[in-house]
Amino acid sequence: MQSIFWSIEEVAIRAKQFYENVIRQNVEYGDNIGKMIVIDAETGEYGIDPTGVETALKLKQKNPNARLFTIRIGYDVAVSFGGAIMEHTSE
C-alpha cells in the first residue's frame, strides 16, 4: 500500500469526521466511556481498549503506513499518535 503524506492536522480532521459521522453513535455508551478509540484516518477502521496501545499495535501490524488518531470516548480531547496534542478544550 502506498504511503499517504498528510499533516497532523489533516489526520485529525479525517479521523474526527469518521468519528462524528460514522463511529460515535456506535461507541459512546456504558463501559466504553473513558476508553481510548484509535482510528485509521485513511480507512475509518478503529478499535477500542483502555489505553489505545493494543489497538494501535494491531492497526499498525495490519497496515504499517496507517495514520492513526486517538480519542478518549465521551470526552472532548484528541491526540495524534505521533504524540502531538491537537485539541484540548475544557468545559
PDB file of N, CA and C in Angstrom:
ATOM      1  N   MET A   1       0.845  -1.182   0.000  1.00  0.00           N
ATOM      2  CA  MET A   1       0.000   0.000   0.000  1.00  0.00           C
ATOM      3  C   MET A   1       0.884   1.237   0.000  1.00  0.00           C
ATOM      4  N   GLN A   2       0.538   2.207  -0.795  1.00  0.00           N
ATOM      5  CA  GLN A   2       1.305   3.430  -0.885  1.00  0.00           C
ATOM      6  C   GLN A   2       1.056   4.299   0.335  1.00  0.00           C
ATOM      7  N   SER A   3       2.117   4.903   0.833  1.00  0.00           N
ATOM      8  CA  SER A   3       2.006   5.777   1.989  1.00  0.00           C
ATOM      9  C   SER A   3       1.353   7.095   1.588  1.00  0.00           C
ATOM     10  N   ILE A   4       0.458   7.572   2.439  1.00  0.00           N
ATOM     11  CA  ILE A   4      -0.202   8.851   2.208  1.00  0.00           C
ATOM     12  C   ILE A   4       0.456   9.880   3.120  1.00  0.00           C
ATOM     13  N   PHE A   5       0.846  11.003   2.558  1.00  0.00           N
ATOM     14  CA  PHE A   5       1.500  12.035   3.341  1.00  0.00           C
ATOM     15  C   PHE A   5       0.492  13.118   3.696  1.00  0.00           C
ATOM     16  N   TRP A   6       0.047  13.091   4.949  1.00  0.00           N
ATOM     17  CA  TRP A   6      -0.885  14.082   5.471  1.00  0.00           C
ATOM     18  C   TRP A   6      -0.231  14.781   6.640  1.00  0.00           C
ATOM     19  N   SER A   7      -0.582  16.024   6.836  1.00  0.00           N
ATOM     20  CA  SER A   7      -0.127  16.728   8.028  1.00  0.00           C
ATOM     21  C   SER A   7      -0.890  16.174   9.234  1.00  0.00           C
ATOM     22  N   ILE A   8      -0.406  16.485  10.404  1.00  0.00           N
ATOM     23  CA  ILE A   8      -1.093  16.062  11.631  1.00  0.00           C
ATOM     24  C   ILE A   8      -2.514  16.615  11.638  1.00  0.00           C
ATOM     25  N   GLU A   9      -2.670  17.830  11.170  1.00  0.00           N
ATOM     26  CA  GLU A   9      -3.995  18.451  11.137  1.00  0.00           C
ATOM     27  C   GLU A   9      -4.937  17.700  10.205  1.00  0.00           C
ATOM     28  N   GLU A  10      -4.425  17.275   9.038  1.00  0.00           N
ATOM     29  CA  GLU A  10      -5.255  16.524   8.088  1.00  0.00           C
ATOM     30  C   GLU A  10      -5.674  15.176   8.670  1.00  0.00           C
ATOM     31  N   VAL A  11      -4.763  14.510   9.363  1.00  0.00           N
ATOM     32  CA  VAL A  11      -5.088  13.244  10.016  1.00  0.00           C
ATOM     33  C   VAL A  11      -6.197  13.482  11.038  1.00  0.00           C
ATOM     34  N   ALA A  12      -6.049  14.523  11.844  1.00  0.00           N
ATOM     35  CA  ALA A  12      -7.045  14.835  12.872  1.00  0.00           C
ATOM     36  C   ALA A  12      -8.413  15.121  12.257  1.00  0.00           C
ATOM     37  N   ILE A  13      -8.440  15.908  11.211  1.00  0.00           N
ATOM     38  CA  ILE A  13      -9.711  16.263  10.565  1.00  0.00           C
ATOM     39  C   ILE A  13     -10.406  15.019  10.028  1.00  0.00           C
ATOM     40  N   ARG A  14      -9.675  14.187   9.306  1.00  0.00           N
ATOM     41  CA  ARG A  14     -10.275  12.976   8.722  1.00  0.00           C
ATOM     42  C   ARG A  14     -10.779  12.028   9.814  1.00  0.00           C
ATOM     43  N   ALA A  15      -9.966  11.804  10.829  1.00  0.00           N
ATOM     44  CA  ALA A  15     -10.361  10.886  11.897  1.00  0.00           C
ATOM     45  C   ALA A  15     -11.588  11.417  12.644  1.00  0.00           C
ATOM     46  N   LYS A  16     -11.608  12.712  12.917  1.00  0.00           N
ATOM     47  CA  LYS A  16     -12.762  13.304  13.604  1.00  0.00           C
ATOM     48  C   LYS A  16     -14.018  13.195  12.746  1.00  0.00           C
ATOM     49  N   GLN A  17     -13.872  13.332  11.429  1.00  0.00           N
ATOM     50  CA  GLN A  17     -15.031  13.174  10.541  1.00  0.00           C
ATOM     51  C   GLN A  17     -15.576  11.748  10.618  1.00  0.00           C
ATOM     52  N   PHE A  18     -14.690  10.754  10.578  1.00  0.00           N
ATOM     53  CA  PHE A  18     -15.135   9.365  10.748  1.00  0.00           C
ATOM     54  C   PHE A  18     -15.848   9.204  12.079  1.00  0.00           C
ATOM     55  N   TYR A  19     -15.248   9.759  13.138  1.00  0.00           N
ATOM     56  CA  TYR A  19     -15.820   9.602  14.480  1.00  0.00           C
ATOM     57  C   TYR A  19     -17.205  10.238  14.550  1.00  0.00           C
ATOM     58  N   GLU A  20     -17.321  11.462  14.109  1.00  0.00           N
ATOM     59  CA  GLU A  20     -18.603  12.179  14.207  1.00  0.00           C
ATOM     60  C   GLU A  20     -19.680  11.600  13.298  1.00  0.00           C
ATOM     61  N   ASN A  21     -19.311  11.227  12.078  1.00  0.00           N
ATOM     62  CA  ASN A  21     -20.305  10.814  11.084  1.00  0.00           C
ATOM     63  C   ASN A  21     -20.649   9.337  11.097  1.00  0.00           C
ATOM     64  N   VAL A  22     -19.750   8.490  11.586  1.00  0.00           N
ATOM     65  CA  VAL A  22     -19.956   7.049  11.465  1.00  0.00           C
ATOM     66  C   VAL A  22     -19.829   6.311  12.799  1.00  0.00           C
ATOM     67  N   ILE A  23     -18.820   6.653  13.572  1.00  0.00           N
ATOM     68  CA  ILE A  23     -18.428   5.818  14.712  1.00  0.00           C
ATOM     69  C   ILE A  23     -19.127   6.190  16.016  1.00  0.00           C
ATOM     70  N   ARG A  24     -19.257   7.482  16.316  1.00  0.00           N
ATOM     71  CA  ARG A  24     -19.713   7.948  17.636  1.00  0.00           C
ATOM     72  C   ARG A  24     -20.958   7.227  18.135  1.00  0.00           C
ATOM     73  N   GLN A  25     -21.984   7.148  17.309  1.00  0.00           N
ATOM     74  CA  GLN A  25     -23.247   6.558  17.761  1.00  0.00           C
ATOM     75  C   GLN A  25     -23.115   5.083  18.117  1.00  0.00           C
ATOM     76  N   ASN A  26     -22.051   4.439  17.622  1.00  0.00           N
ATOM     77  CA  ASN A  26     -21.850   3.018  17.910  1.00  0.00           C
ATOM     78  C   ASN A  26     -20.990   2.753  19.143  1.00  0.00           C
ATOM     79  N   VAL A  27     -20.301   3.782  19.650  1.00  0.00           N
ATOM     80  CA  VAL A  27     -19.336   3.522  20.722  1.00  0.00           C
ATOM     81  C   VAL A  27     -19.562   4.302  22.009  1.00  0.00           C
ATOM     82  N   GLU A  28     -20.278   5.416  21.973  1.00  0.00           N
ATOM     83  CA  GLU A  28     -20.421   6.237  23.171  1.00  0.00           C
ATOM     84  C   GLU A  28     -21.549   5.727  24.060  1.00  0.00           C
ATOM     85  N   TYR A  29     -21.234   4.703  24.834  1.00  0.00           N
ATOM     86  CA  TYR A  29     -22.200   4.155  25.787  1.00  0.00           C
ATOM     87  C   TYR A  29     -21.466   3.330  26.842  1.00  0.00           C
ATOM     88  N   GLY A  30     -22.097   3.170  27.982  1.00  0.00           N
ATOM     89  CA  GLY A  30     -21.663   2.273  29.050  1.00  0.00           C
ATOM     90  C   GLY A  30     -20.179   2.224  29.330  1.00  0.00           C
ATOM     91  N   ASP A  31     -19.638   1.012  29.292  1.00  0.00           N
ATOM     92  CA  ASP A  31     -18.245   0.763  29.658  1.00  0.00           C
ATOM     93  C   ASP A  31     -17.233   1.379  28.697  1.00  0.00           C
ATOM     94  N   ASN A  32     -17.650   1.798  27.529  1.00  0.00           N
ATOM     95  CA  ASN A  32     -16.711   2.419  26.580  1.00  0.00           C
ATOM     96  C   ASN A  32     -16.309   3.837  26.993  1.00  0.00           C
ATOM     97  N   ILE A  33     -17.152   4.525  27.769  1.00  0.00           N
ATOM     98  CA  ILE A  33     -16.849   5.895  28.173  1.00  0.00           C
ATOM     99  C   ILE A  33     -15.537   5.905  28.945  1.00  0.00           C
ATOM    100  N   GLY A  34     -14.624   6.753  28.488  1.00  0.00           N
ATOM    101  CA  GLY A  34     -13.314   6.871  29.121  1.00  0.00           C
ATOM    102  C   GLY A  34     -12.237   6.009  28.484  1.00  0.00           C
ATOM    103  N   LYS A  35     -12.638   5.040  27.669  1.00  0.00           N
ATOM    104  CA  LYS A  35     -11.649   4.225  26.961  1.00  0.00           C
ATOM    105  C   LYS A  35     -11.130   4.993  25.757  1.00  0.00           C
ATOM    106  N   MET A  36     -10.050   4.486  25.175  1.00  0.00           N
ATOM    107  CA  MET A  36      -9.448   5.133  24.014  1.00  0.00           C
ATOM    108  C   MET A  36      -9.897   4.420  22.738  1.00  0.00           C
ATOM    109  N   ILE A  37     -10.235   5.216  21.737  1.00  0.00           N
ATOM    110  CA  ILE A  37     -10.534   4.682  20.421  1.00  0.00           C
ATOM    111  C   ILE A  37      -9.436   5.164  19.479  1.00  0.00           C
ATOM    112  N   VAL A  38      -8.870   4.249  18.730  1.00  0.00           N
ATOM    113  CA  VAL A  38      -7.829   4.574  17.758  1.00  0.00           C
ATOM    114  C   VAL A  38      -8.441   4.390  16.372  1.00  0.00           C
ATOM    115  N   ILE A  39      -8.335   5.443  15.564  1.00  0.00           N
ATOM    116  CA  ILE A  39      -8.965   5.453  14.243  1.00  0.00           C
ATOM    117  C   ILE A  39      -7.895   5.570  13.169  1.00  0.00           C
ATOM    118  N   ASP A  40      -7.992   4.703  12.155  1.00  0.00           N
ATOM    119  CA  ASP A  40      -7.147   4.823  10.973  1.00  0.00           C
ATOM    120  C   ASP A  40      -7.785   5.918  10.121  1.00  0.00           C
ATOM    121  N   ALA A  41      -7.110   7.045   9.968  1.00  0.00           N
ATOM    122  CA  ALA A  41      -7.677   8.206   9.280  1.00  0.00           C
ATOM    123  C   ALA A  41      -7.915   7.970   7.797  1.00  0.00           C
ATOM    124  N   GLU A  42      -7.295   6.949   7.230  1.00  0.00           N
ATOM    125  CA  GLU A  42      -7.496   6.659   5.807  1.00  0.00           C
ATOM    126  C   GLU A  42      -8.717   5.775   5.592  1.00  0.00           C
ATOM    127  N   THR A  43      -8.859   4.738   6.414  1.00  0.00           N
ATOM    128  CA  THR A  43      -9.898   3.742   6.182  1.00  0.00           C
ATOM    129  C   THR A  43     -11.112   3.872   7.089  1.00  0.00           C
ATOM    130  N   GLY A  44     -10.951   4.524   8.228  1.00  0.00           N
ATOM    131  CA  GLY A  44     -12.024   4.596   9.208  1.00  0.00           C
ATOM    132  C   GLY A  44     -12.080   3.387  10.117  1.00  0.00           C
ATOM    133  N   GLU A  45     -11.191   2.431   9.896  1.00  0.00           N
ATOM    134  CA  GLU A  45     -11.128   1.262  10.770  1.00  0.00           C
ATOM    135  C   GLU A  45     -10.722   1.738  12.161  1.00  0.00           C
ATOM    136  N   TYR A  46     -11.283   1.102  13.194  1.00  0.00           N
ATOM    137  CA  TYR A  46     -10.971   1.540  14.545  1.00  0.00           C
ATOM    138  C   TYR A  46     -11.010   0.378  15.521  1.00  0.00           C
ATOM    139  N   GLY A  47     -10.504   0.637  16.692  1.00  0.00           N
ATOM    140  CA  GLY A  47     -10.565  -0.321  17.783  1.00  0.00           C
ATOM    141  C   GLY A  47     -10.573   0.438  19.092  1.00  0.00           C
ATOM    142  N   ILE A  48     -11.040  -0.237  20.131  1.00  0.00           N
ATOM    143  CA  ILE A  48     -11.185   0.378  21.450  1.00  0.00           C
ATOM    144  C   ILE A  48     -10.467  -0.486  22.473  1.00  0.00           C
ATOM    145  N   ASP A  49      -9.720   0.165  23.355  1.00  0.00           N
ATOM    146  CA  ASP A  49      -9.147  -0.516  24.514  1.00  0.00           C
ATOM    147  C   ASP A  49      -8.848   0.546  25.572  1.00  0.00           C
ATOM    148  N   PRO A  50      -8.517   0.140  26.778  1.00  0.00           N
ATOM    149  CA  PRO A  50      -8.343   1.114  27.863  1.00  0.00           C
ATOM    150  C   PRO A  50      -7.280   2.187  27.597  1.00  0.00           C
ATOM    151  N   THR A  51      -6.195   1.847  26.916  1.00  0.00           N
ATOM    152  CA  THR A  51      -5.115   2.813  26.699  1.00  0.00           C
ATOM    153  C   THR A  51      -4.926   3.189  25.241  1.00  0.00           C
ATOM    154  N   GLY A  52      -5.428   2.412  24.319  1.00  0.00           N
ATOM    155  CA  GLY A  52      -5.245   2.644  22.895  1.00  0.00           C
ATOM    156  C   GLY A  52      -4.008   1.962  22.332  1.00  0.00           C
ATOM    157  N   VAL A  53      -3.143   1.490  23.196  1.00  0.00           N
ATOM    158  CA  VAL A  53      -1.880   0.908  22.744  1.00  0.00           C
ATOM    159  C   VAL A  53      -2.096  -0.398  21.982  1.00  0.00           C
ATOM    160  N   GLU A  54      -2.884  -1.304  22.533  1.00  0.00           N
ATOM    161  CA  GLU A  54      -3.108  -2.593  21.866  1.00  0.00           C
ATOM    162  C   GLU A  54      -3.749  -2.393  20.496  1.00  0.00           C
ATOM    163  N   THR A  55      -4.724  -1.516  20.431  1.00  0.00           N
ATOM    164  CA  THR A  55      -5.398  -1.246  19.168  1.00  0.00           C
ATOM    165  C   THR A  55      -4.440  -0.629  18.157  1.00  0.00           C
ATOM    166  N   ALA A  56      -3.632   0.322  18.592  1.00  0.00           N
ATOM    167  CA  ALA A  56      -2.674   0.959  17.684  1.00  0.00           C
ATOM    168  C   ALA A  56      -1.701  -0.075  17.122  1.00  0.00           C
ATOM    169  N   LEU A  57      -1.225  -0.971  17.972  1.00  0.00           N
ATOM    170  CA  LEU A  57      -0.304  -2.011  17.510  1.00  0.00           C
ATOM    171  C   LEU A  57      -0.971  -2.920  16.483  1.00  0.00           C
ATOM    172  N   LYS A  58      -2.221  -3.288  16.724  1.00  0.00           N
ATOM    173  CA  LYS A  58      -2.946  -4.146  15.786  1.00  0.00           C
ATOM    174  C   LYS A  58      -3.166  -3.445  14.449  1.00  0.00           C
ATOM    175  N   LEU A  59      -3.561  -2.174  14.505  1.00  0.00           N
ATOM    176  CA  LEU A  59      -3.802  -1.436  13.265  1.00  0.00           C
ATOM    177  C   LEU A  59      -2.498  -1.218  12.495  1.00  0.00           C
ATOM    178  N   LYS A  60      -1.409  -0.961  13.201  1.00  0.00           N
ATOM    179  CA  LYS A  60      -0.112  -0.781  12.538  1.00  0.00           C
ATOM    180  C   LYS A  60       0.405  -2.099  11.971  1.00  0.00           C
ATOM    181  N   GLN A  61       0.105  -3.210  12.645  1.00  0.00           N
ATOM    182  CA  GLN A  61       0.517  -4.512  12.126  1.00  0.00           C
ATOM    183  C   GLN A  61      -0.233  -4.800  10.818  1.00  0.00           C
ATOM    184  N   LYS A  62      -1.489  -4.438  10.789  1.00  0.00           N
ATOM    185  CA  LYS A  62      -2.318  -4.647   9.604  1.00  0.00           C
ATOM    186  C   LYS A  62      -1.877  -3.737   8.456  1.00  0.00           C
ATOM    187  N   ASN A  63      -1.547  -2.482   8.796  1.00  0.00           N
ATOM    188  CA  ASN A  63      -1.103  -1.511   7.795  1.00  0.00           C
ATOM    189  C   ASN A  63      -0.016  -0.637   8.419  1.00  0.00           C
ATOM    190  N   PRO A  64       1.257  -0.963   8.176  1.00  0.00           N
ATOM    191  CA  PRO A  64       2.364  -0.216   8.783  1.00  0.00           C
ATOM    192  C   PRO A  64       2.364   1.281   8.463  1.00  0.00           C
ATOM    193  N   ASN A  65       1.703   1.678   7.379  1.00  0.00           N
ATOM    194  CA  ASN A  65       1.657   3.093   6.999  1.00  0.00           C
ATOM    195  C   ASN A  65       0.404   3.810   7.508  1.00  0.00           C
ATOM    196  N   ALA A  66      -0.366   3.148   8.354  1.00  0.00           N
ATOM    197  CA  ALA A  66      -1.610   3.735   8.847  1.00  0.00           C
ATOM    198  C   ALA A  66      -1.333   5.047   9.572  1.00  0.00           C
ATOM    199  N   ARG A  67      -2.198   6.025   9.338  1.00  0.00           N
ATOM    200  CA  ARG A  67      -2.139   7.306  10.043  1.00  0.00           C
ATOM    201  C   ARG A  67      -3.197   7.241  11.130  1.00  0.00           C
ATOM    202  N   LEU A  68      -2.758   7.040  12.362  1.00  0.00           N
ATOM    203  CA  LEU A  68      -3.666   6.787  13.462  1.00  0.00           C
ATOM    204  C   LEU A  68      -3.944   8.043  14.278  1.00  0.00           C
ATOM    205  N   PHE A  69      -5.150   8.086  14.820  1.00  0.00           N
ATOM    206  CA  PHE A  69      -5.583   9.204  15.654  1.00  0.00           C
ATOM    207  C   PHE A  69      -6.344   8.615  16.821  1.00  0.00           C
ATOM    208  N   THR A  70      -6.097   9.121  18.009  1.00  0.00           N
ATOM    209  CA  THR A  70      -6.696   8.580  19.219  1.00  0.00           C
ATOM    210  C   THR A  70      -7.611   9.597  19.882  1.00  0.00           C
ATOM    211  N   ILE A  71      -8.765   9.107  20.317  1.00  0.00           N
ATOM    212  CA  ILE A  71      -9.736   9.946  21.016  1.00  0.00           C
ATOM    213  C   ILE A  71     -10.202   9.195  22.257  1.00  0.00           C
ATOM    214  N   ARG A  72     -10.347   9.907  23.373  1.00  0.00           N
ATOM    215  CA  ARG A  72     -10.935   9.309  24.571  1.00  0.00           C
ATOM    216  C   ARG A  72     -12.450   9.404  24.416  1.00  0.00           C
ATOM    217  N   ILE A  73     -13.099   8.273  24.460  1.00  0.00           N
ATOM    218  CA  ILE A  73     -14.547   8.204  24.229  1.00  0.00           C
ATOM    219  C   ILE A  73     -15.299   8.952  25.330  1.00  0.00           C
ATOM    220  N   GLY A  74     -16.182   9.841  24.886  1.00  0.00           N
ATOM    221  CA  GLY A  74     -17.013  10.591  25.809  1.00  0.00           C
ATOM    222  C   GLY A  74     -16.376  11.866  26.321  1.00  0.00           C
ATOM    223  N   TYR A  75     -15.204  12.218  25.831  1.00  0.00           N
ATOM    224  CA  TYR A  75     -14.503  13.433  26.248  1.00  0.00           C
ATOM    225  C   TYR A  75     -14.147  14.250  25.027  1.00  0.00           C
ATOM    226  N   ASP A  76     -13.917  15.544  25.225  1.00  0.00           N
ATOM    227  CA  ASP A  76     -13.577  16.432  24.119  1.00  0.00           C
ATOM    228  C   ASP A  76     -12.070  16.677  24.082  1.00  0.00           C
ATOM    229  N   VAL A  77     -11.311  15.589  23.966  1.00  0.00           N
ATOM    230  CA  VAL A  77      -9.847  15.666  23.891  1.00  0.00           C
ATOM    231  C   VAL A  77      -9.401  14.721  22.801  1.00  0.00           C
ATOM    232  N   ALA A  78      -8.424  15.135  21.999  1.00  0.00           N
ATOM    233  CA  ALA A  78      -7.945  14.282  20.925  1.00  0.00           C
ATOM    234  C   ALA A  78      -6.439  14.400  20.783  1.00  0.00           C
ATOM    235  N   VAL A  79      -5.804  13.301  20.354  1.00  0.00           N
ATOM    236  CA  VAL A  79      -4.361  13.283  20.202  1.00  0.00           C
ATOM    237  C   VAL A  79      -3.990  12.498  18.955  1.00  0.00           C
ATOM    238  N   SER A  80      -2.998  12.968  18.231  1.00  0.00           N
ATOM    239  CA  SER A  80      -2.458  12.211  17.114  1.00  0.00           C
ATOM    240  C   SER A  80      -1.450  11.229  17.664  1.00  0.00           C
ATOM    241  N   PHE A  81      -1.295  10.076  17.037  1.00  0.00           N
ATOM    242  CA  PHE A  81      -0.412   9.056  17.593  1.00  0.00           C
ATOM    243  C   PHE A  81       1.054   9.385  17.440  1.00  0.00           C
ATOM    244  N   GLY A  82       1.395  10.519  16.903  1.00  0.00           N
ATOM    245  CA  GLY A  82       2.785  10.961  16.894  1.00  0.00           C
ATOM    246  C   GLY A  82       3.125  11.670  18.192  1.00  0.00           C
ATOM    247  N   GLY A  83       2.150  11.831  19.055  1.00  0.00           N
ATOM    248  CA  GLY A  83       2.362  12.462  20.340  1.00  0.00           C
ATOM    249  C   GLY A  83       2.007  13.932  20.375  1.00  0.00           C
ATOM    250  N   ALA A  84       1.639  14.509  19.259  1.00  0.00           N
ATOM    251  CA  ALA A  84       1.302  15.933  19.234  1.00  0.00           C
ATOM    252  C   ALA A  84      -0.143  16.124  19.676  1.00  0.00           C
ATOM    253  N   ILE A  85      -0.349  17.016  20.590  1.00  0.00           N
ATOM    254  CA  ILE A  85      -1.704  17.294  21.059  1.00  0.00           C
ATOM    255  C   ILE A  85      -2.381  18.201  20.054  1.00  0.00           C
ATOM    256  N   MET A  86      -3.526  17.763  19.571  1.00  0.00           N
ATOM    257  CA  MET A  86      -4.227  18.509  18.528  1.00  0.00           C
ATOM    258  C   MET A  86      -5.268  19.455  19.110  1.00  0.00           C
ATOM    259  N   GLU A  87      -5.944  19.025  20.149  1.00  0.00           N
ATOM    260  CA  GLU A  87      -7.044  19.824  20.649  1.00  0.00           C
ATOM    261  C   GLU A  87      -7.274  19.477  22.110  1.00  0.00           C
ATOM    262  N   HIS A  88      -7.535  20.471  22.885  1.00  0.00           N
ATOM    263  CA  HIS A  88      -7.923  20.245  24.264  1.00  0.00           C
ATOM    264  C   HIS A  88      -8.815  21.402  24.662  1.00  0.00           C
ATOM    265  N   THR A  89     -10.037  21.073  24.990  1.00  0.00           N
ATOM    266  CA  THR A  89     -10.953  22.104  25.437  1.00  0.00           C
ATOM    267  C   THR A  89     -11.439  21.752  26.819  1.00  0.00           C
ATOM    268  N   SER A  90     -11.635  22.727  27.633  1.00  0.00           N
ATOM    269  CA  SER A  90     -12.173  22.469  28.963  1.00  0.00           C
ATOM    270  C   SER A  90     -13.607  22.954  29.006  1.00  0.00           C
ATOM    271  N   GLU A  91     -14.389  22.287  29.810  1.00  0.00           N
ATOM    272  CA  GLU A  91     -15.810  22.636  29.887  1.00  0.00           C
ATOM    273  C   GLU A  91     -16.050  23.548  31.065  1.00  0.00           C
TER     274      GLU A  91
END
